[in-house]
Amino acid sequence: MKIDLKTSIFGIVGYPLGHSLSPLMHNTAFRLRGLNAIYLFFETQEIENAIKGIKALGIKGVSVTIPYKSDVLPFLDRIDSLAENIGAVNTIINKEGELIGYNTDAIGALKAIKERISPIGKGALIVGAGGAARSIGYMLKKEGADLFIASRNYRHAKKLAESLGGTGIPMEDIGSLNVDILINATPVGMYPHTDRCPVSASVLRPGMVVMDIVYNPLDTLLLKIAKDRRCITINGLKMFIYQGAEQFRLWTGLEPPLDTMEKAVRSVLENDL
């Protein structure tokens, strides 16, 4: 593409960013829609200065990823009601110098889950207590699920669960739960540490819906074990694409080329197997 003074700049803010395929997904969408726009990596350990830079440089919008989805809130001018209720932002729009925060993780995750199971009246266990866990937990509770949250740090899990109207549970006790849905909302199992699994195999029961928000690799160790134990699995690609599609709509006002975005990301992931 030709880059000039009119090129709109977007990007992803986080640390580390080596795993991210967001630039591939969004640049594919920009190109297909004929937009003079580019999406870049903005790896940083100084989130406050990074947000100031977005405004100062006129960057049109960014994705926010680990570990800044909650940390970024004080540095924004306005926060969408869904993101405010969740307490986490993964998308920022720069609207004429006003930085507005949104949460598309929640929308993307719920859409992926509802393709396989209705959360109404179901028991759902989320492993993790960070921004992604907060987003998914909020939506599941809103949809009528019985929510449980577990984490290596029980205090964090309990605090998050209580804020969402759910129940915190120590990791060593999750085997005693009889839930319908289990979601890994941690980076455990992400490339290059693909030999790691966030839960023991004994927790996974036949018929359980098991979702991993990790999308690189497509088949994490958790999902491989879940398939062997006759669970219904959802990989992280669906959530990733759906949340990215919502970002594209917010930034451009256009419908995203969903199939092309998914094919571009899937092609890279499958070639890396």
C-alpha atoms as a PDB file:
ATOM      1  CA  MET A   1       0.000   0.000   0.000  1.00  0.00           C
ATOM      2  CA  LYS A   2       1.026   3.623  -0.446  1.00  0.00           C
ATOM      3  CA  ILE A   3       1.587   5.445   2.852  1.00  0.00           C
ATOM      4  CA  ASP A   4       1.113   9.211   2.810  1.00  0.00           C
ATOM      5  CA  LEU A   5      -0.011  12.070   5.061  1.00  0.00           C
ATOM      6  CA  LYS A   6      -3.627  10.919   4.767  1.00  0.00           C
ATOM      7  CA  THR A   7      -2.944   7.360   5.903  1.00  0.00           C
ATOM      8  CA  SER A   8      -4.936   6.541   9.046  1.00  0.00           C
ATOM      9  CA  ILE A   9      -2.808   4.804  11.677  1.00  0.00           C
ATOM     10  CA  PHE A  10      -4.143   2.117  14.000  1.00  0.00           C
ATOM     11  CA  GLY A  11      -2.293  -0.363  16.180  1.00  0.00           C
ATOM     12  CA  ILE A  12      -2.087  -2.644  19.166  1.00  0.00           C
ATOM     13  CA  VAL A  13      -0.748  -1.626  22.587  1.00  0.00           C
ATOM     14  CA  GLY A  14       0.554  -4.206  25.071  1.00  0.00           C
ATOM     15  CA  TYR A  15       3.558  -6.148  26.306  1.00  0.00           C
ATOM     16  CA  PRO A  16       4.734  -8.502  24.954  1.00  0.00           C
ATOM     17  CA  LEU A  17       3.240  -8.477  21.453  1.00  0.00           C
ATOM     18  CA  GLY A  18       5.212 -11.147  19.606  1.00  0.00           C
ATOM     19  CA  HIS A  19       2.222 -13.513  19.646  1.00  0.00           C
ATOM     20  CA  SER A  20      -0.307 -11.097  18.146  1.00  0.00           C
ATOM     21  CA  LEU A  21      -1.877 -11.577  14.721  1.00  0.00           C
ATOM     22  CA  SER A  22      -4.034  -8.455  15.040  1.00  0.00           C
ATOM     23  CA  PRO A  23      -1.923  -6.534  12.470  1.00  0.00           C
ATOM     24  CA  LEU A  24      -2.432  -9.320   9.920  1.00  0.00           C
ATOM     25  CA  MET A  25      -6.187  -9.437  10.560  1.00  0.00           C
ATOM     26  CA  HIS A  26      -6.821  -5.695  10.434  1.00  0.00           C
ATOM     27  CA  ASN A  27      -4.454  -4.887   7.565  1.00  0.00           C
ATOM     28  CA  THR A  28      -6.182  -7.612   5.534  1.00  0.00           C
ATOM     29  CA  ALA A  29      -9.543  -5.985   6.274  1.00  0.00           C
ATOM     30  CA  PHE A  30      -8.304  -2.465   5.479  1.00  0.00           C
ATOM     31  CA  ARG A  31      -6.860  -3.643   2.166  1.00  0.00           C
ATOM     32  CA  LEU A  32     -10.000  -5.509   1.110  1.00  0.00           C
ATOM     33  CA  ARG A  33     -12.198  -2.504   1.891  1.00  0.00           C
ATOM     34  CA  GLY A  34      -9.847  -0.183  -0.013  1.00  0.00           C
ATOM     35  CA  LEU A  35      -9.009   1.981   3.008  1.00  0.00           C
ATOM     36  CA  ASN A  36      -5.924   4.167   3.261  1.00  0.00           C
ATOM     37  CA  ALA A  37      -5.060   2.781   6.688  1.00  0.00           C
ATOM     38  CA  ILE A  38      -2.376   0.734   8.400  1.00  0.00           C
ATOM     39  CA  TYR A  39      -2.278  -1.205  11.683  1.00  0.00           C
ATOM     40  CA  LEU A  40       1.016  -1.448  13.602  1.00  0.00           C
ATOM     41  CA  PHE A  41       2.620  -2.932  16.720  1.00  0.00           C
ATOM     42  CA  PHE A  42       3.081  -0.507  19.639  1.00  0.00           C
ATOM     43  CA  GLU A  43       4.850  -2.625  22.243  1.00  0.00           C
ATOM     44  CA  THR A  44       5.305  -0.700  25.479  1.00  0.00           C
ATOM     45  CA  GLN A  45       5.848  -1.027  29.207  1.00  0.00           C
ATOM     46  CA  GLU A  46       4.693   2.571  29.765  1.00  0.00           C
ATOM     47  CA  ILE A  47       0.955   2.563  29.154  1.00  0.00           C
ATOM     48  CA  GLU A  48       0.277   6.125  30.361  1.00  0.00           C
ATOM     49  CA  ASN A  49       2.866   7.603  27.988  1.00  0.00           C
ATOM     50  CA  ALA A  50       1.657   5.348  25.176  1.00  0.00           C
ATOM     51  CA  ILE A  51      -1.896   6.669  25.553  1.00  0.00           C
ATOM     52  CA  LYS A  52      -0.616  10.248  25.567  1.00  0.00           C
ATOM     53  CA  GLY A  53       1.258   9.431  22.372  1.00  0.00           C
ATOM     54  CA  ILE A  54      -1.905   8.166  20.676  1.00  0.00           C
ATOM     55  CA  LYS A  55      -3.551  11.522  21.201  1.00  0.00           C
ATOM     56  CA  ALA A  56      -0.445  13.583  20.393  1.00  0.00           C
ATOM     57  CA  LEU A  57       0.305  11.730  17.145  1.00  0.00           C
ATOM     58  CA  GLY A  58      -3.269  11.531  15.937  1.00  0.00           C
ATOM     59  CA  ILE A  59      -3.377   7.729  15.890  1.00  0.00           C
ATOM     60  CA  LYS A  60      -6.979   6.871  15.007  1.00  0.00           C
ATOM     61  CA  GLY A  61      -7.475   3.864  17.225  1.00  0.00           C
ATOM     62  CA  VAL A  62      -5.784   0.997  19.016  1.00  0.00           C
ATOM     63  CA  SER A  63      -6.423  -2.453  20.403  1.00  0.00           C
ATOM     64  CA  VAL A  64      -5.391  -2.900  24.035  1.00  0.00           C
ATOM     65  CA  THR A  65      -4.083  -6.268  25.153  1.00  0.00           C
ATOM     66  CA  ILE A  66      -2.248  -7.941  28.042  1.00  0.00           C
ATOM     67  CA  PRO A  67      -1.539  -6.518  30.615  1.00  0.00           C
ATOM     68  CA  TYR A  68      -3.265  -3.153  30.190  1.00  0.00           C
ATOM     69  CA  LYS A  69      -6.999  -3.779  29.700  1.00  0.00           C
ATOM     70  CA  SER A  70      -7.846  -2.459  33.160  1.00  0.00           C
ATOM     71  CA  ASP A  71      -4.765  -0.278  33.705  1.00  0.00           C
ATOM     72  CA  VAL A  72      -5.675   1.888  30.710  1.00  0.00           C
ATOM     73  CA  LEU A  73      -9.001   3.134  32.136  1.00  0.00           C
ATOM     74  CA  PRO A  74      -7.740   6.217  34.058  1.00  0.00           C
ATOM     75  CA  PHE A  75      -6.017   7.598  30.966  1.00  0.00           C
ATOM     76  CA  LEU A  76      -9.118   7.728  28.731  1.00  0.00           C
ATOM     77  CA  ASP A  77     -11.464  10.668  28.265  1.00  0.00           C
ATOM     78  CA  ARG A  78     -14.623   8.594  28.071  1.00  0.00           C
ATOM     79  CA  ILE A  79     -15.600   4.945  28.501  1.00  0.00           C
ATOM     80  CA  ASP A  80     -18.486   3.153  26.825  1.00  0.00           C
ATOM     81  CA  SER A  81     -21.116   1.863  29.272  1.00  0.00           C
ATOM     82  CA  LEU A  82     -20.377  -1.838  28.589  1.00  0.00           C
ATOM     83  CA  ALA A  83     -16.636  -1.344  29.102  1.00  0.00           C
ATOM     84  CA  GLU A  84     -17.307   0.723  32.226  1.00  0.00           C
ATOM     85  CA  ASN A  85     -19.543  -1.974  33.708  1.00  0.00           C
ATOM     86  CA  ILE A  86     -16.952  -4.645  32.932  1.00  0.00           C
ATOM     87  CA  GLY A  87     -14.018  -2.544  34.113  1.00  0.00           C
ATOM     88  CA  ALA A  88     -11.830  -3.379  31.129  1.00  0.00           C
ATOM     89  CA  VAL A  89     -11.112  -1.836  27.720  1.00  0.00           C
ATOM     90  CA  ASN A  90      -9.651  -3.590  24.694  1.00  0.00           C
ATOM     91  CA  THR A  91     -10.480  -0.971  22.048  1.00  0.00           C
ATOM     92  CA  ILE A  92      -9.823   2.770  21.878  1.00  0.00           C
ATOM     93  CA  ILE A  93     -11.128   5.270  19.337  1.00  0.00           C
ATOM     94  CA  ASN A  94      -9.481   8.656  18.939  1.00  0.00           C
ATOM     95  CA  LYS A  95     -12.438  10.885  18.037  1.00  0.00           C
ATOM     96  CA  GLU A  96     -11.005  14.308  17.236  1.00  0.00           C
ATOM     97  CA  GLY A  97      -8.647  14.170  20.220  1.00  0.00           C
ATOM     98  CA  GLU A  98     -11.095  12.488  22.611  1.00  0.00           C
ATOM     99  CA  LEU A  99     -10.049   8.944  23.535  1.00  0.00           C
ATOM    100  CA  ILE A 100     -13.039   6.641  24.017  1.00  0.00           C
ATOM    101  CA  GLY A 101     -12.711   3.120  25.413  1.00  0.00           C
ATOM    102  CA  TYR A 102     -14.805   0.114  24.386  1.00  0.00           C
ATOM    103  CA  ASN A 103     -14.846  -3.604  25.132  1.00  0.00           C
ATOM    104  CA  THR A 104     -15.282  -5.891  22.145  1.00  0.00           C
ATOM    105  CA  ASP A 105     -13.775  -8.923  23.920  1.00  0.00           C
ATOM    106  CA  ALA A 106     -17.069  -9.422  25.720  1.00  0.00           C
ATOM    107  CA  ILE A 107     -19.100  -9.311  22.511  1.00  0.00           C
ATOM    108  CA  GLY A 108     -16.715 -11.609  20.654  1.00  0.00           C
ATOM    109  CA  ALA A 109     -16.540 -14.187  23.442  1.00  0.00           C
ATOM    110  CA  LEU A 110     -20.290 -14.379  23.950  1.00  0.00           C
ATOM    111  CA  LYS A 111     -20.906 -14.783  20.234  1.00  0.00           C
ATOM    112  CA  ALA A 112     -18.403 -17.651  20.066  1.00  0.00           C
ATOM    113  CA  ILE A 113     -19.927 -19.375  23.117  1.00  0.00           C
ATOM    114  CA  LYS A 114     -23.533 -19.024  21.953  1.00  0.00           C
ATOM    115  CA  GLU A 115     -22.680 -20.777  18.690  1.00  0.00           C
ATOM    116  CA  ARG A 116     -22.224 -23.935  20.801  1.00  0.00           C
ATOM    117  CA  ILE A 117     -24.340 -23.505  23.943  1.00  0.00           C
ATOM    118  CA  SER A 118     -26.860 -21.145  25.525  1.00  0.00           C
ATOM    119  CA  PRO A 119     -25.420 -19.873  28.830  1.00  0.00           C
ATOM    120  CA  ILE A 120     -28.864 -19.490  30.426  1.00  0.00           C
ATOM    121  CA  GLY A 121     -28.989 -21.553  33.600  1.00  0.00           C
ATOM    122  CA  LYS A 122     -25.621 -23.209  32.890  1.00  0.00           C
ATOM    123  CA  GLY A 123     -22.716 -23.526  35.288  1.00  0.00           C
ATOM    124  CA  ALA A 124     -19.651 -21.745  33.894  1.00  0.00           C
ATOM    125  CA  LEU A 125     -16.107 -21.842  35.261  1.00  0.00           C
ATOM    126  CA  ILE A 126     -13.589 -19.244  34.106  1.00  0.00           C
ATOM    127  CA  VAL A 127      -9.917 -19.914  34.822  1.00  0.00           C
ATOM    128  CA  GLY A 128      -8.151 -16.579  35.191  1.00  0.00           C
ATOM    129  CA  ALA A 129      -8.857 -13.273  36.912  1.00  0.00           C
ATOM    130  CA  GLY A 130      -7.583 -10.667  34.443  1.00  0.00           C
ATOM    131  CA  GLY A 131      -9.259  -8.365  31.933  1.00  0.00           C
ATOM    132  CA  ALA A 132     -10.427 -11.143  29.604  1.00  0.00           C
ATOM    133  CA  ALA A 133     -11.910 -13.115  32.513  1.00  0.00           C
ATOM    134  CA  ARG A 134     -13.741 -10.011  33.683  1.00  0.00           C
ATOM    135  CA  SER A 135     -15.179  -9.369  30.194  1.00  0.00           C
ATOM    136  CA  ILE A 136     -16.345 -12.940  29.636  1.00  0.00           C
ATOM    137  CA  GLY A 137     -17.629 -13.346  33.182  1.00  0.00           C
ATOM    138  CA  TYR A 138     -19.699 -10.179  32.947  1.00  0.00           C
ATOM    139  CA  MET A 139     -21.407 -11.342  29.758  1.00  0.00           C
ATOM    140  CA  LEU A 140     -22.026 -14.886  31.004  1.00  0.00           C
ATOM    141  CA  LYS A 141     -23.580 -13.596  34.218  1.00  0.00           C
ATOM    142  CA  LYS A 142     -25.693 -11.131  32.255  1.00  0.00           C
ATOM    143  CA  GLU A 143     -26.914 -14.043  30.109  1.00  0.00           C
ATOM    144  CA  GLY A 144     -28.007 -15.981  33.177  1.00  0.00           C
ATOM    145  CA  ALA A 145     -25.104 -18.359  33.823  1.00  0.00           C
ATOM    146  CA  ASP A 146     -24.078 -19.564  37.286  1.00  0.00           C
ATOM    147  CA  LEU A 147     -20.557 -18.127  37.364  1.00  0.00           C
ATOM    148  CA  PHE A 148     -17.437 -19.502  39.053  1.00  0.00           C
ATOM    149  CA  ILE A 149     -13.946 -18.020  38.781  1.00  0.00           C
ATOM    150  CA  ALA A 150     -10.678 -19.719  39.717  1.00  0.00           C
ATOM    151  CA  SER A 151      -7.133 -18.422  39.559  1.00  0.00           C
ATOM    152  CA  ARG A 152      -3.672 -19.218  40.888  1.00  0.00           C
ATOM    153  CA  ASN A 153      -4.269 -16.250  43.175  1.00  0.00           C
ATOM    154  CA  TYR A 154      -7.478 -17.139  45.028  1.00  0.00           C
ATOM    155  CA  ARG A 155      -7.794 -13.634  46.475  1.00  0.00           C
ATOM    156  CA  HIS A 156      -7.948 -12.161  42.965  1.00  0.00           C
ATOM    157  CA  ALA A 157     -10.438 -14.795  41.821  1.00  0.00           C
ATOM    158  CA  LYS A 158     -12.695 -14.186  44.831  1.00  0.00           C
ATOM    159  CA  LYS A 159     -12.597 -10.415  44.386  1.00  0.00           C
ATOM    160  CA  LEU A 160     -13.439 -10.608  40.674  1.00  0.00           C
ATOM    161  CA  ALA A 161     -16.173 -13.196  41.160  1.00  0.00           C
ATOM    162  CA  GLU A 162     -17.856 -11.182  43.881  1.00  0.00           C
ATOM    163  CA  SER A 163     -17.769  -8.036  41.733  1.00  0.00           C
ATOM    164  CA  LEU A 164     -19.642  -9.939  39.012  1.00  0.00           C
ATOM    165  CA  GLY A 165     -22.112 -11.739  41.285  1.00  0.00           C
ATOM    166  CA  GLY A 166     -20.332 -15.083  40.991  1.00  0.00           C
ATOM    167  CA  THR A 167     -18.324 -17.389  43.243  1.00  0.00           C
ATOM    168  CA  GLY A 168     -14.547 -17.491  43.603  1.00  0.00           C
ATOM    169  CA  ILE A 169     -12.995 -20.912  44.022  1.00  0.00           C
ATOM    170  CA  PRO A 170      -9.436 -22.097  44.708  1.00  0.00           C
ATOM    171  CA  MET A 171      -7.766 -23.840  41.762  1.00  0.00           C
ATOM    172  CA  GLU A 172      -7.308 -27.025  43.809  1.00  0.00           C
ATOM    173  CA  ASP A 173     -11.095 -27.269  44.303  1.00  0.00           C
ATOM    174  CA  ILE A 174     -12.303 -26.924  40.696  1.00  0.00           C
ATOM    175  CA  GLY A 175     -12.518 -30.696  40.282  1.00  0.00           C
ATOM    176  CA  SER A 176     -15.439 -30.712  42.707  1.00  0.00           C
ATOM    177  CA  LEU A 177     -17.529 -28.460  40.458  1.00  0.00           C
ATOM    178  CA  ASN A 178     -20.067 -29.873  38.029  1.00  0.00           C
ATOM    179  CA  VAL A 179     -20.162 -27.146  35.380  1.00  0.00           C
ATOM    180  CA  ASP A 180     -21.351 -27.117  31.775  1.00  0.00           C
ATOM    181  CA  ILE A 181     -18.814 -24.592  30.460  1.00  0.00           C
ATOM    182  CA  LEU A 182     -15.093 -24.170  31.179  1.00  0.00           C
ATOM    183  CA  ILE A 183     -13.143 -21.245  29.764  1.00  0.00           C
ATOM    184  CA  ASN A 184      -9.408 -20.645  29.921  1.00  0.00           C
ATOM    185  CA  ALA A 185      -8.994 -16.873  30.127  1.00  0.00           C
ATOM    186  CA  THR A 186      -5.242 -16.972  30.807  1.00  0.00           C
ATOM    187  CA  PRO A 187      -2.240 -17.038  28.444  1.00  0.00           C
ATOM    188  CA  VAL A 188      -1.356 -20.571  29.625  1.00  0.00           C
ATOM    189  CA  GLY A 189      -0.712 -22.728  26.562  1.00  0.00           C
ATOM    190  CA  MET A 190       0.047 -19.806  24.256  1.00  0.00           C
ATOM    191  CA  TYR A 191       2.967 -20.064  21.831  1.00  0.00           C
ATOM    192  CA  PRO A 192       5.820 -20.718  22.548  1.00  0.00           C
ATOM    193  CA  HIS A 193       4.766 -22.470  25.785  1.00  0.00           C
ATOM    194  CA  THR A 194       2.467 -24.920  24.046  1.00  0.00           C
ATOM    195  CA  ASP A 195       3.193 -27.800  26.454  1.00  0.00           C
ATOM    196  CA  ARG A 196       1.250 -26.136  29.285  1.00  0.00           C
ATOM    197  CA  CYS A 197      -2.370 -26.689  30.329  1.00  0.00           C
ATOM    198  CA  PRO A 198      -4.278 -24.535  32.854  1.00  0.00           C
ATOM    199  CA  VAL A 199      -6.253 -27.431  34.398  1.00  0.00           C
ATOM    200  CA  SER A 200      -5.790 -31.149  34.974  1.00  0.00           C
ATOM    201  CA  ALA A 201      -7.472 -33.602  32.614  1.00  0.00           C
ATOM    202  CA  SER A 202      -9.693 -34.934  35.412  1.00  0.00           C
ATOM    203  CA  VAL A 203     -11.621 -31.636  35.466  1.00  0.00           C
ATOM    204  CA  LEU A 204     -12.831 -32.162  31.889  1.00  0.00           C
ATOM    205  CA  ARG A 205     -15.994 -34.248  31.612  1.00  0.00           C
ATOM    206  CA  PRO A 206     -17.687 -35.640  28.461  1.00  0.00           C
ATOM    207  CA  GLY A 207     -20.161 -33.149  26.985  1.00  0.00           C
ATOM    208  CA  MET A 208     -18.635 -30.137  28.728  1.00  0.00           C
ATOM    209  CA  VAL A 209     -18.100 -27.096  26.501  1.00  0.00           C
ATOM    210  CA  VAL A 210     -14.418 -26.118  26.767  1.00  0.00           C
ATOM    211  CA  MET A 211     -13.233 -22.797  25.339  1.00  0.00           C
ATOM    212  CA  ASP A 212      -9.677 -21.470  25.205  1.00  0.00           C
ATOM    213  CA  ILE A 213      -9.191 -17.775  24.455  1.00  0.00           C
ATOM    214  CA  VAL A 214      -5.649 -18.564  23.271  1.00  0.00           C
ATOM    215  CA  TYR A 215      -5.627 -18.680  19.464  1.00  0.00           C
ATOM    216  CA  ASN A 216      -1.950 -19.389  18.831  1.00  0.00           C
ATOM    217  CA  PRO A 217      -1.825 -22.373  18.532  1.00  0.00           C
ATOM    218  CA  LEU A 218      -5.328 -23.170  17.296  1.00  0.00           C
ATOM    219  CA  ASP A 219      -5.340 -26.479  19.162  1.00  0.00           C
ATOM    220  CA  THR A 220      -3.907 -25.771  22.590  1.00  0.00           C
ATOM    221  CA  LEU A 221      -3.014 -28.626  24.898  1.00  0.00           C
ATOM    222  CA  LEU A 222      -6.210 -27.879  26.831  1.00  0.00           C
ATOM    223  CA  LEU A 223      -8.338 -28.343  23.711  1.00  0.00           C
ATOM    224  CA  LYS A 224      -6.487 -31.492  22.664  1.00  0.00           C
ATOM    225  CA  ILE A 225      -7.124 -33.075  26.055  1.00  0.00           C
ATOM    226  CA  ALA A 226     -10.739 -31.861  25.994  1.00  0.00           C
ATOM    227  CA  LYS A 227     -11.336 -33.525  22.618  1.00  0.00           C
ATOM    228  CA  ASP A 228      -9.835 -36.771  23.901  1.00  0.00           C
ATOM    229  CA  ARG A 229     -12.271 -36.619  26.822  1.00  0.00           C
ATOM    230  CA  ARG A 230     -15.238 -36.059  24.454  1.00  0.00           C
ATOM    231  CA  CYS A 231     -15.823 -32.415  25.311  1.00  0.00           C
ATOM    232  CA  ILE A 232     -17.229 -29.830  22.882  1.00  0.00           C
ATOM    233  CA  THR A 233     -14.393 -27.415  22.110  1.00  0.00           C
ATOM    234  CA  ILE A 234     -14.171 -23.773  21.020  1.00  0.00           C
ATOM    235  CA  ASN A 235     -10.763 -22.434  20.015  1.00  0.00           C
ATOM    236  CA  GLY A 236      -9.670 -18.861  20.549  1.00  0.00           C
ATOM    237  CA  LEU A 237      -9.836 -17.948  16.865  1.00  0.00           C
ATOM    238  CA  LYS A 238     -13.606 -17.374  16.898  1.00  0.00           C
ATOM    239  CA  MET A 239     -13.459 -14.908  19.791  1.00  0.00           C
ATOM    240  CA  PHE A 240     -10.421 -13.215  18.264  1.00  0.00           C
ATOM    241  CA  ILE A 241     -12.108 -12.711  14.894  1.00  0.00           C
ATOM    242  CA  TYR A 242     -15.443 -11.620  16.345  1.00  0.00           C
ATOM    243  CA  GLN A 243     -13.871  -9.058  18.686  1.00  0.00           C
ATOM    244  CA  GLY A 244     -11.693  -7.811  15.824  1.00  0.00           C
ATOM    245  CA  ALA A 245     -14.740  -7.464  13.597  1.00  0.00           C
ATOM    246  CA  GLU A 246     -16.408  -5.269  16.231  1.00  0.00           C
ATOM    247  CA  GLN A 247     -13.264  -3.152  16.419  1.00  0.00           C
ATOM    248  CA  PHE A 248     -13.291  -2.699  12.651  1.00  0.00           C
ATOM    249  CA  ARG A 249     -16.922  -1.522  12.783  1.00  0.00           C
ATOM    250  CA  LEU A 250     -16.151   0.969  15.542  1.00  0.00           C
ATOM    251  CA  TRP A 251     -13.090   2.399  13.785  1.00  0.00           C
ATOM    252  CA  THR A 252     -14.435   2.576  10.222  1.00  0.00           C
ATOM    253  CA  GLY A 253     -18.230   2.434  10.336  1.00  0.00           C
ATOM    254  CA  LEU A 254     -18.029  -0.326   7.714  1.00  0.00           C
ATOM    255  CA  GLU A 255     -18.965  -3.997   7.776  1.00  0.00           C
ATOM    256  CA  PRO A 256     -15.855  -6.149   8.281  1.00  0.00           C
ATOM    257  CA  PRO A 257     -14.900  -8.813   5.717  1.00  0.00           C
ATOM    258  CA  LEU A 258     -15.299 -11.514   8.363  1.00  0.00           C
ATOM    259  CA  ASP A 259     -14.522 -14.576   6.237  1.00  0.00           C
ATOM    260  CA  THR A 260     -11.400 -13.024   4.740  1.00  0.00           C
ATOM    261  CA  MET A 261     -10.131 -11.917   8.141  1.00  0.00           C
ATOM    262  CA  GLU A 262     -10.565 -15.444   9.509  1.00  0.00           C
ATOM    263  CA  LYS A 263      -8.957 -17.098   6.481  1.00  0.00           C
ATOM    264  CA  ALA A 264      -5.888 -14.840   6.712  1.00  0.00           C
ATOM    265  CA  VAL A 265      -5.319 -15.630  10.398  1.00  0.00           C
ATOM    266  CA  ARG A 266      -6.170 -19.327  10.083  1.00  0.00           C
ATOM    267  CA  SER A 267      -3.733 -19.713   7.181  1.00  0.00           C
ATOM    268  CA  VAL A 268      -0.823 -18.446   9.280  1.00  0.00           C
ATOM    269  CA  LEU A 269      -1.770 -20.528  12.307  1.00  0.00           C
ATOM    270  CA  GLU A 270      -2.200 -23.723  10.303  1.00  0.00           C
ATOM    271  CA  ASN A 271       1.099 -23.191   8.479  1.00  0.00           C
ATOM    272  CA  ASP A 272       2.836 -22.839  11.843  1.00  0.00           C
ATOM    273  CA  LEU A 273       1.659 -26.253  13.002  1.00  0.00           C
END
